[in-house]
Amino acid sequence: MPFFPSHSEVLVSTFNKMEVIHRLGKVTKNVNFLDYEARNTKGHKFNGTLEEDSFSISLVIDKGDSFLPLIKGKFETTPKGCILFLKYSLFPSSVFFLAFWTILTLLLTLFFGLVAKNLWYALISFFLGFGNYFFAWVYFKRKIKVSQAIFHELLNFSEEDSKKN
């Protein structure tokens, strides 16, 4: 089990790699977050980049969310479609802050337990650190389900749906 929240999955699609890239391209936008007008355009569900053999996307949100998963994927072609290898992880800044607060509360636990000899403060520090870490895992798993549902829906469009768009 990894220390930081993450999840991976393998999807098999009957669509070929180019069709999957096309479908992702229709709902993904490479956004310059400094350009306010471009940022507010509607119609896409993901922000990110698409390349020939891989992609890196995240769900479009209206307000900040520290536990939003970053979805990194790779394509592998097969004779009857393609295989997608997906890895859901926290953004690097969220990993930094989770590590920072986990280490800080661990150090406070050690300080209060060994140096200050105050068991109550040591226990409070430990449980605050554990609670923060547990909350991060639970909330991240919840956000994965939201992103997965949208991503899976995207790949389950019928042929008629793709002809309409």
Protein backbone atom coordinates (compact mmCIF):
# COMPACT_ATOMS: atom_id res chain seq x y z
CA MET A 1 0.00 0.00 0.00
CA PRO A 2 1.46 3.37 -0.96
CA PHE A 3 1.98 6.03 1.69
CA PHE A 4 0.14 8.72 -0.26
CA PRO A 5 -3.39 8.24 -1.58
CA SER A 6 -3.43 6.72 -5.05
CA HIS A 7 -5.41 4.29 -7.14
CA SER A 8 -4.82 2.53 -10.42
CA GLU A 9 -7.02 0.67 -12.85
CA VAL A 10 -6.90 -0.92 -16.26
CA LEU A 11 -9.72 -0.33 -18.74
CA VAL A 12 -10.25 -2.30 -21.92
CA SER A 13 -12.08 -0.45 -24.68
CA THR A 14 -13.45 -1.68 -27.96
CA PHE A 15 -12.59 1.72 -29.40
CA ASN A 16 -9.19 2.07 -31.01
CA LYS A 17 -6.60 4.42 -29.52
CA MET A 18 -7.38 7.27 -31.91
CA GLU A 19 -11.12 7.10 -31.14
CA VAL A 20 -10.42 7.22 -27.39
CA ILE A 21 -8.08 10.19 -27.89
CA HIS A 22 -10.76 11.89 -30.00
CA ARG A 23 -13.41 11.31 -27.30
CA LEU A 24 -11.09 12.62 -24.60
CA GLY A 25 -10.19 15.60 -26.78
CA LYS A 26 -13.85 16.59 -27.08
CA VAL A 27 -14.21 17.00 -23.30
CA THR A 28 -10.66 18.01 -22.34
CA LYS A 29 -9.16 21.46 -22.56
CA ASN A 30 -5.57 22.51 -22.05
CA VAL A 31 -6.25 25.60 -19.96
CA ASN A 32 -3.96 28.53 -19.28
CA PHE A 33 -5.07 29.42 -15.76
CA LEU A 34 -3.69 32.94 -16.09
CA ASP A 35 -6.14 33.68 -18.93
CA TYR A 36 -9.40 34.36 -17.08
CA GLU A 37 -11.60 34.39 -20.20
CA ALA A 38 -10.29 31.06 -21.50
CA ARG A 39 -10.62 29.54 -18.04
CA ASN A 40 -14.33 30.33 -17.86
CA THR A 41 -15.33 28.72 -21.15
CA LYS A 42 -17.80 25.90 -20.57
CA GLY A 43 -18.28 22.64 -22.40
CA HIS A 44 -15.38 20.55 -21.18
CA LYS A 45 -15.26 18.18 -18.23
CA PHE A 46 -11.49 17.80 -17.86
CA ASN A 47 -8.45 20.07 -17.81
CA GLY A 48 -5.19 18.62 -18.99
CA THR A 49 -3.01 17.49 -21.82
CA LEU A 50 -3.43 14.73 -24.36
CA GLU A 51 -0.50 13.18 -26.15
CA GLU A 52 -0.22 10.36 -28.66
CA ASP A 53 0.43 7.61 -26.11
CA SER A 54 -0.52 9.20 -22.80
CA PHE A 55 -2.55 11.87 -21.09
CA SER A 56 -2.72 13.78 -17.84
CA ILE A 57 -6.12 15.20 -16.88
CA SER A 58 -8.18 16.31 -13.90
CA LEU A 59 -11.83 17.12 -13.42
CA VAL A 60 -12.95 20.71 -14.02
CA ILE A 61 -13.93 22.34 -10.72
CA ASP A 62 -15.35 25.73 -9.76
CA LYS A 63 -13.62 26.03 -6.39
CA GLY A 64 -10.38 24.66 -4.99
CA ASP A 65 -10.23 21.03 -3.92
CA SER A 66 -7.05 19.68 -2.37
CA PHE A 67 -8.08 16.06 -2.88
CA LEU A 68 -8.97 16.21 -6.56
CA PRO A 69 -7.28 13.30 -8.34
CA LEU A 70 -4.83 13.82 -11.15
CA ILE A 71 -5.47 11.10 -13.73
CA LYS A 72 -2.44 9.94 -15.68
CA GLY A 73 -3.09 7.42 -18.40
CA LYS A 74 -1.27 5.45 -21.04
CA PHE A 75 -2.67 3.77 -24.13
CA GLU A 76 -1.76 0.40 -25.54
CA THR A 77 -3.28 -0.70 -28.81
CA THR A 78 -4.71 -4.16 -29.34
CA PRO A 79 -6.19 -5.78 -32.44
CA LYS A 80 -9.74 -5.23 -31.14
CA GLY A 81 -9.41 -1.83 -29.45
CA CYS A 82 -7.09 -0.47 -26.80
CA ILE A 83 -6.12 -0.84 -23.18
CA LEU A 84 -5.93 2.19 -20.89
CA PHE A 85 -3.67 2.11 -17.84
CA LEU A 86 -4.91 4.77 -15.42
CA LYS A 87 -3.24 6.06 -12.27
CA TYR A 88 -5.12 8.40 -9.96
CA SER A 89 -2.95 10.41 -7.59
CA LEU A 90 -2.95 13.62 -5.60
CA PHE A 91 -1.50 16.73 -7.18
CA PRO A 92 2.13 17.36 -6.11
CA SER A 93 1.15 20.35 -3.95
CA SER A 94 -1.39 18.24 -2.05
CA VAL A 95 1.21 15.51 -1.53
CA PHE A 96 3.60 18.13 -0.16
CA PHE A 97 1.07 19.48 2.36
CA LEU A 98 -0.08 16.01 3.44
CA ALA A 99 3.54 14.99 4.00
CA PHE A 100 4.31 18.27 5.79
CA TRP A 101 1.43 17.95 8.28
CA THR A 102 2.01 14.23 8.80
CA ILE A 103 5.69 14.77 9.60
CA LEU A 104 4.95 17.82 11.76
CA THR A 105 2.38 16.00 13.88
CA LEU A 106 4.71 13.00 14.18
CA LEU A 107 7.53 15.28 15.37
CA LEU A 108 5.15 16.96 17.84
CA THR A 109 4.12 13.52 19.10
CA LEU A 110 7.77 12.60 19.65
CA PHE A 111 8.55 15.95 21.27
CA PHE A 112 5.63 15.85 23.68
CA GLY A 113 6.10 12.15 24.42
CA LEU A 114 9.87 12.01 24.88
CA VAL A 115 11.11 15.53 25.65
CA ALA A 116 8.21 17.30 27.38
CA LYS A 117 6.90 14.05 28.95
CA ASN A 118 3.33 15.17 28.37
CA LEU A 119 1.38 12.09 27.31
CA TRP A 120 -1.88 13.96 26.65
CA TYR A 121 -0.31 16.40 24.21
CA ALA A 122 1.55 13.53 22.55
CA LEU A 123 -1.71 11.61 22.09
CA ILE A 124 -3.53 14.69 20.81
CA SER A 125 -0.75 15.32 18.28
CA PHE A 126 -0.74 11.70 17.18
CA PHE A 127 -4.51 11.52 16.72
CA LEU A 128 -4.63 14.85 14.89
CA GLY A 129 -1.96 13.59 12.48
CA PHE A 130 -3.68 10.24 12.06
CA GLY A 131 -7.07 11.93 11.59
CA ASN A 132 -5.67 14.27 8.93
CA TYR A 133 -4.06 11.36 7.08
CA PHE A 134 -7.22 9.19 7.34
CA PHE A 135 -9.40 12.09 6.14
CA ALA A 136 -7.12 12.56 3.12
CA TRP A 137 -7.44 8.90 2.10
CA VAL A 138 -11.23 8.79 2.56
CA TYR A 139 -11.93 12.06 0.78
CA PHE A 140 -9.52 11.18 -2.05
CA LYS A 141 -11.31 7.84 -2.58
CA ARG A 142 -14.62 9.70 -2.76
CA LYS A 143 -13.24 12.09 -5.39
CA ILE A 144 -11.89 9.15 -7.39
CA LYS A 145 -15.40 7.73 -7.70
CA VAL A 146 -16.67 11.03 -9.15
CA SER A 147 -13.83 11.22 -11.69
CA GLN A 148 -14.18 7.54 -12.56
CA ALA A 149 -17.89 7.85 -13.22
CA ILE A 150 -17.38 10.68 -15.69
CA PHE A 151 -14.40 8.98 -17.35
CA HIS A 152 -16.21 5.63 -17.67
CA GLU A 153 -19.31 7.35 -19.06
CA LEU A 154 -17.12 8.99 -21.67
CA LEU A 155 -15.83 5.63 -22.88
CA ASN A 156 -19.26 3.98 -22.86
CA PHE A 157 -20.91 6.27 -25.41
CA SER A 158 -22.73 4.36 -28.10
CA GLU A 159 -21.79 4.79 -31.74
CA GLU A 160 -24.97 6.85 -32.30
CA ASP A 161 -23.88 9.34 -29.62
CA SER A 162 -20.52 9.89 -31.27
CA LYS A 163 -22.16 10.49 -34.67
CA LYS A 164 -24.44 13.17 -33.19
CA ASN A 165 -21.48 15.21 -31.85
